[in-house]
Amino acid sequence: FANAKLGKIEFVSCPFCRFTLPSMNVIPFSSEYFCKECKHRGNIINFVRILEPDKTNATDDAILKYLGTLFNITVVTEEDKLQILEYYHQQGFDLVPIQRNGKAPIEQGWPEQSHRDIEEWKSWLSQNLNIGVKSGQISNLIILDIDSKNIPGKLAEFLLNYQGFVQETTKGFHYAFRYDPDLIKTFFDYEGVHIDIETDGGQVVVFPSVVDNVERKVLDRRDIPVLSQ
C-alpha cells in the first residue's frame, strides 16, 4: 500500500478471479485494489475477511495485527493512532498539518495558527497527511533533533537516562524537553553530528507520519521533562 499512497499505479494478480495476467490495480492515493476483470474492489482487510473464514468477524485492528505477525512487519492500527493523539493532547501539543510523505506544513501562516483538537488531528491522518508538533512556547516544548543513529560522547551520557518523548527519525532521533525561553532556535555540529534545537517558530514531524517512505517510530512516551533534568 505504500506505493498507492504515493500515487504510483501497481498491478497484482487478483486472488478472486485469478486471471492469467495481473489485473488488479492499486488505486493511487488510497489503500484499495480494483480488478478490471472480475470488478472486485476492496482493501487488504476486506480480502482477509473473505479469503480466511475464521477472520470474517474480526475487527480491522485485529486483522492488521494478524498481518503484522504473519509478515513480520510493524503495523500501526487505529487504536495506536488514537493513543498517540491522546498522549499529544495530554502533553499540551499544538499540531500542524504536513504534506504527505514530507516535512513541509500545508497551512499558510502555520506558526500563528493553533490546532489542539483530537478530532481535527484524526481528520488529517484520514487524508493521509503527516502531522507535526510546533515547538516553542505554544506547545511548551523544545525538540533536540539529532541527525545520527550514533549519538556521540557527552551527549550520549546526558541522554542515557532520559525519560520523556523520544522518536526515531529517518536519520536519527528527536528528544523532547519542556520550553525554556532562554534557548533560541539554532543548529550546530557536535563531534561531526548535526544537531538542531527546535523552539519558537519551529516544528518537527511526529508519529504516525511517514517521511521519505520511512515511518516515524516512538521509542519512549512519558511526561516530558525540563531540560535541567
Protein backbone atom coordinates (compact mmCIF):
# COMPACT_ATOMS: atom_id res chain seq x y z
CA PHE A 1 0.00 0.00 0.00
CA ALA A 2 2.97 2.36 0.36
CA ASN A 3 3.20 2.88 -3.40
CA ALA A 4 -0.53 3.51 -3.62
CA LYS A 5 -0.30 6.27 -1.03
CA LEU A 6 2.47 7.85 -3.09
CA GLY A 7 0.27 7.87 -6.18
CA LYS A 8 2.05 5.10 -8.08
CA ILE A 9 -0.02 2.58 -10.04
CA GLU A 10 0.80 -1.05 -9.30
CA PHE A 11 -0.76 -4.19 -10.81
CA VAL A 12 -1.05 -7.52 -8.99
CA SER A 13 -2.76 -10.86 -9.56
CA CYS A 14 -6.36 -10.91 -8.36
CA PRO A 15 -6.91 -13.51 -5.61
CA PHE A 16 -10.55 -13.90 -6.63
CA CYS A 17 -10.70 -14.40 -10.41
CA ARG A 18 -7.04 -15.50 -10.71
CA PHE A 19 -6.81 -14.01 -14.19
CA THR A 20 -3.71 -15.11 -16.12
CA LEU A 21 -2.16 -11.62 -16.14
CA PRO A 22 -2.00 -9.15 -13.25
CA SER A 23 -5.42 -7.50 -13.50
CA MET A 24 -5.90 -5.90 -10.11
CA ASN A 25 -4.51 -2.41 -9.71
CA VAL A 26 -3.78 -0.42 -6.59
CA ILE A 27 -5.84 2.77 -6.66
CA PRO A 28 -3.45 5.74 -6.29
CA PHE A 29 -3.50 7.68 -3.00
CA SER A 30 -5.60 5.00 -1.34
CA SER A 31 -5.39 1.57 0.24
CA GLU A 32 -7.80 -0.08 -2.20
CA TYR A 33 -7.50 -2.55 -5.06
CA PHE A 34 -9.74 -2.88 -8.11
CA CYS A 35 -9.79 -5.84 -10.53
CA LYS A 36 -10.68 -4.84 -14.09
CA GLU A 37 -11.68 -8.44 -14.93
CA CYS A 38 -13.98 -9.54 -12.07
CA LYS A 39 -14.69 -5.97 -10.86
CA HIS A 40 -13.84 -6.91 -7.27
CA ARG A 41 -12.90 -3.91 -5.18
CA GLY A 42 -11.66 -3.61 -1.60
CA ASN A 43 -8.63 -3.34 0.62
CA ILE A 44 -6.40 -5.94 2.21
CA ILE A 45 -8.59 -6.08 5.32
CA ASN A 46 -11.64 -6.95 3.18
CA PHE A 47 -9.63 -9.60 1.37
CA VAL A 48 -8.53 -11.28 4.60
CA ARG A 49 -12.15 -11.46 5.79
CA ILE A 50 -13.19 -13.10 2.51
CA LEU A 51 -10.23 -15.41 1.98
CA GLU A 52 -9.83 -16.56 5.60
CA PRO A 53 -13.20 -17.66 7.05
CA ASP A 54 -12.00 -17.56 10.68
CA LYS A 55 -11.37 -13.82 10.25
CA THR A 56 -14.86 -12.99 8.93
CA ASN A 57 -15.92 -11.14 12.06
CA ALA A 58 -12.50 -9.83 13.13
CA THR A 59 -12.04 -6.10 13.67
CA ASP A 60 -9.86 -4.05 11.36
CA ASP A 61 -7.21 -3.67 14.07
CA ALA A 62 -7.20 -7.42 14.79
CA ILE A 63 -6.63 -8.17 11.10
CA LEU A 64 -3.84 -5.61 10.84
CA LYS A 65 -2.11 -7.11 13.88
CA TYR A 66 -2.52 -10.58 12.33
CA LEU A 67 -0.92 -9.38 9.09
CA GLY A 68 1.90 -7.74 11.02
CA THR A 69 2.68 -11.01 12.77
CA LEU A 70 2.28 -13.04 9.58
CA PHE A 71 4.72 -10.93 7.57
CA ASN A 72 6.93 -9.78 10.47
CA ILE A 73 6.24 -6.11 9.86
CA THR A 74 5.32 -3.22 12.13
CA VAL A 75 1.67 -2.31 11.72
CA VAL A 76 0.10 0.87 13.08
CA THR A 77 -3.55 0.34 13.99
CA GLU A 78 -6.28 2.92 14.50
CA GLU A 79 -6.01 2.22 18.22
CA ASP A 80 -2.28 3.02 18.10
CA LYS A 81 -3.03 6.32 16.35
CA LEU A 82 -5.72 7.28 18.83
CA GLN A 83 -3.46 6.51 21.79
CA ILE A 84 -0.63 8.68 20.48
CA LEU A 85 -3.02 11.55 19.69
CA GLU A 86 -4.36 11.34 23.24
CA TYR A 87 -0.78 11.48 24.52
CA TYR A 88 -0.06 14.56 22.39
CA HIS A 89 -3.20 16.18 23.80
CA GLN A 90 -2.23 15.34 27.38
CA GLN A 91 1.22 16.84 26.86
CA GLY A 92 -0.25 20.08 25.50
CA PHE A 93 1.00 19.70 21.91
CA ASP A 94 -0.22 22.12 19.25
CA LEU A 95 -0.11 20.27 15.93
CA VAL A 96 0.11 21.36 12.29
CA PRO A 97 -0.93 19.52 9.08
CA ILE A 98 2.04 18.43 6.94
CA GLN A 99 2.31 17.33 3.32
CA ARG A 100 2.16 13.61 2.53
CA ASN A 101 5.49 11.82 2.93
CA GLY A 102 7.23 15.13 3.68
CA LYS A 103 8.06 17.73 6.29
CA ALA A 104 6.53 20.96 4.94
CA PRO A 105 3.38 22.41 6.56
CA ILE A 106 0.49 22.82 4.12
CA GLU A 107 -1.09 25.71 6.01
CA GLN A 108 -0.14 29.32 5.28
CA GLY A 109 0.88 31.24 8.38
CA TRP A 110 1.04 28.00 10.34
CA PRO A 111 3.20 29.37 13.22
CA GLU A 112 0.34 31.73 14.13
CA GLN A 113 -2.41 29.08 13.85
CA SER A 114 -3.49 26.76 16.66
CA HIS A 115 -4.78 23.19 16.39
CA ARG A 116 -5.39 21.30 19.63
CA ASP A 117 -8.48 19.24 18.79
CA ILE A 118 -8.01 15.47 18.51
CA GLU A 119 -10.87 15.12 16.02
CA GLU A 120 -9.18 17.60 13.70
CA TRP A 121 -5.89 15.73 14.02
CA LYS A 122 -7.67 12.47 13.17
CA SER A 123 -9.15 14.09 10.05
CA TRP A 124 -5.66 14.99 8.84
CA LEU A 125 -4.49 11.41 9.26
CA SER A 126 -7.60 10.13 7.45
CA GLN A 127 -6.49 12.26 4.46
CA ASN A 128 -3.05 10.57 4.60
CA LEU A 129 -1.45 13.83 5.70
CA ASN A 130 1.52 13.92 8.02
CA ILE A 131 1.34 15.79 11.31
CA GLY A 132 3.92 17.98 13.03
CA VAL A 133 4.18 19.39 16.53
CA LYS A 134 5.01 23.08 16.89
CA SER A 135 7.96 23.65 19.16
CA GLY A 136 8.37 26.61 21.48
CA GLN A 137 6.04 28.29 23.94
CA ILE A 138 2.90 27.32 22.00
CA SER A 139 3.44 23.65 22.91
CA ASN A 140 5.67 24.22 25.97
CA LEU A 141 8.26 22.26 24.04
CA ILE A 142 11.87 22.15 22.87
CA ILE A 143 12.99 19.42 20.48
CA LEU A 144 16.57 18.20 20.27
CA ASP A 145 16.88 16.90 16.69
CA ILE A 146 19.94 14.66 16.30
CA ASP A 147 20.84 13.63 12.73
CA SER A 148 22.64 10.40 13.60
CA LYS A 149 21.80 6.96 14.94
CA ASN A 150 25.10 7.06 16.84
CA ILE A 151 24.91 9.80 19.47
CA PRO A 152 28.41 10.99 20.32
CA GLY A 153 30.33 11.46 23.57
CA LYS A 154 28.97 13.58 26.40
CA LEU A 155 25.63 13.99 24.66
CA ALA A 156 25.06 10.24 24.79
CA GLU A 157 25.87 10.29 28.51
CA PHE A 158 23.46 13.17 29.06
CA LEU A 159 20.64 11.32 27.27
CA LEU A 160 21.41 7.89 28.74
CA ASN A 161 18.78 8.11 31.49
CA TYR A 162 16.35 10.33 29.60
CA GLN A 163 12.66 9.62 30.18
CA GLY A 164 10.04 11.50 28.19
CA PHE A 165 9.21 11.56 24.47
CA VAL A 166 11.72 10.08 22.04
CA GLN A 167 11.10 9.18 18.44
CA GLU A 168 13.34 7.64 15.82
CA THR A 169 13.57 9.59 12.57
CA THR A 170 14.95 8.79 9.14
CA LYS A 171 18.47 9.86 10.17
CA GLY A 172 18.45 9.89 13.97
CA PHE A 173 16.28 10.86 16.93
CA HIS A 174 14.06 13.55 18.45
CA TYR A 175 14.23 14.19 22.20
CA ALA A 176 11.58 16.43 23.77
CA PHE A 177 12.03 18.83 26.70
CA ARG A 178 9.85 21.50 28.24
CA TYR A 179 10.12 25.03 26.89
CA ASP A 180 12.92 27.28 28.10
CA PRO A 181 12.62 30.95 27.00
CA ASP A 182 16.39 31.38 27.28
CA LEU A 183 17.03 28.97 24.40
CA ILE A 184 16.72 30.03 20.77
CA LYS A 185 16.06 28.05 17.60
CA THR A 186 19.52 27.17 16.26
CA PHE A 187 21.76 24.40 14.93
CA PHE A 188 25.34 23.24 15.37
CA ASP A 189 27.68 20.31 14.78
CA TYR A 190 28.90 18.26 17.71
CA GLU A 191 31.68 15.74 17.08
CA GLY A 192 30.65 15.52 13.43
CA VAL A 193 26.92 15.14 14.12
CA HIS A 194 24.43 17.81 13.02
CA ILE A 195 22.01 18.88 15.77
CA ASP A 196 19.03 21.24 15.58
CA ILE A 197 17.37 22.88 18.56
CA GLU A 198 13.73 23.47 17.64
CA THR A 199 11.87 26.03 19.75
CA ASP A 200 9.78 29.12 18.92
CA GLY A 201 8.96 29.19 15.19
CA GLY A 202 9.85 25.55 14.57
CA GLN A 203 8.09 22.24 14.15
CA VAL A 204 9.02 18.58 13.77
CA VAL A 205 7.09 15.79 12.07
CA VAL A 206 5.79 13.18 14.52
CA PHE A 207 4.43 9.63 14.56
CA PRO A 208 2.44 8.20 12.83
CA SER A 209 3.77 10.31 9.96
CA VAL A 210 5.90 8.93 7.12
CA VAL A 211 8.85 10.89 5.72
CA ASP A 212 10.67 9.69 2.59
CA ASN A 213 8.75 6.40 2.91
CA VAL A 214 10.08 5.83 6.46
CA GLU A 215 7.60 5.89 9.31
CA ARG A 216 8.42 7.73 12.50
CA LYS A 217 8.81 5.35 15.46
CA VAL A 218 8.08 6.27 19.09
CA LEU A 219 10.70 4.81 21.44
CA ASP A 220 9.53 6.40 24.70
CA ARG A 221 6.29 8.13 25.66
CA ARG A 222 6.15 9.60 29.15
CA ASP A 223 5.69 13.03 30.70
CA ILE A 224 8.17 15.42 29.12
CA PRO A 225 10.95 16.65 31.46
CA VAL A 226 12.54 20.06 31.79
CA LEU A 227 15.97 20.39 30.21
CA SER A 228 17.83 20.74 33.52
CA GLN A 229 16.82 17.18 34.42
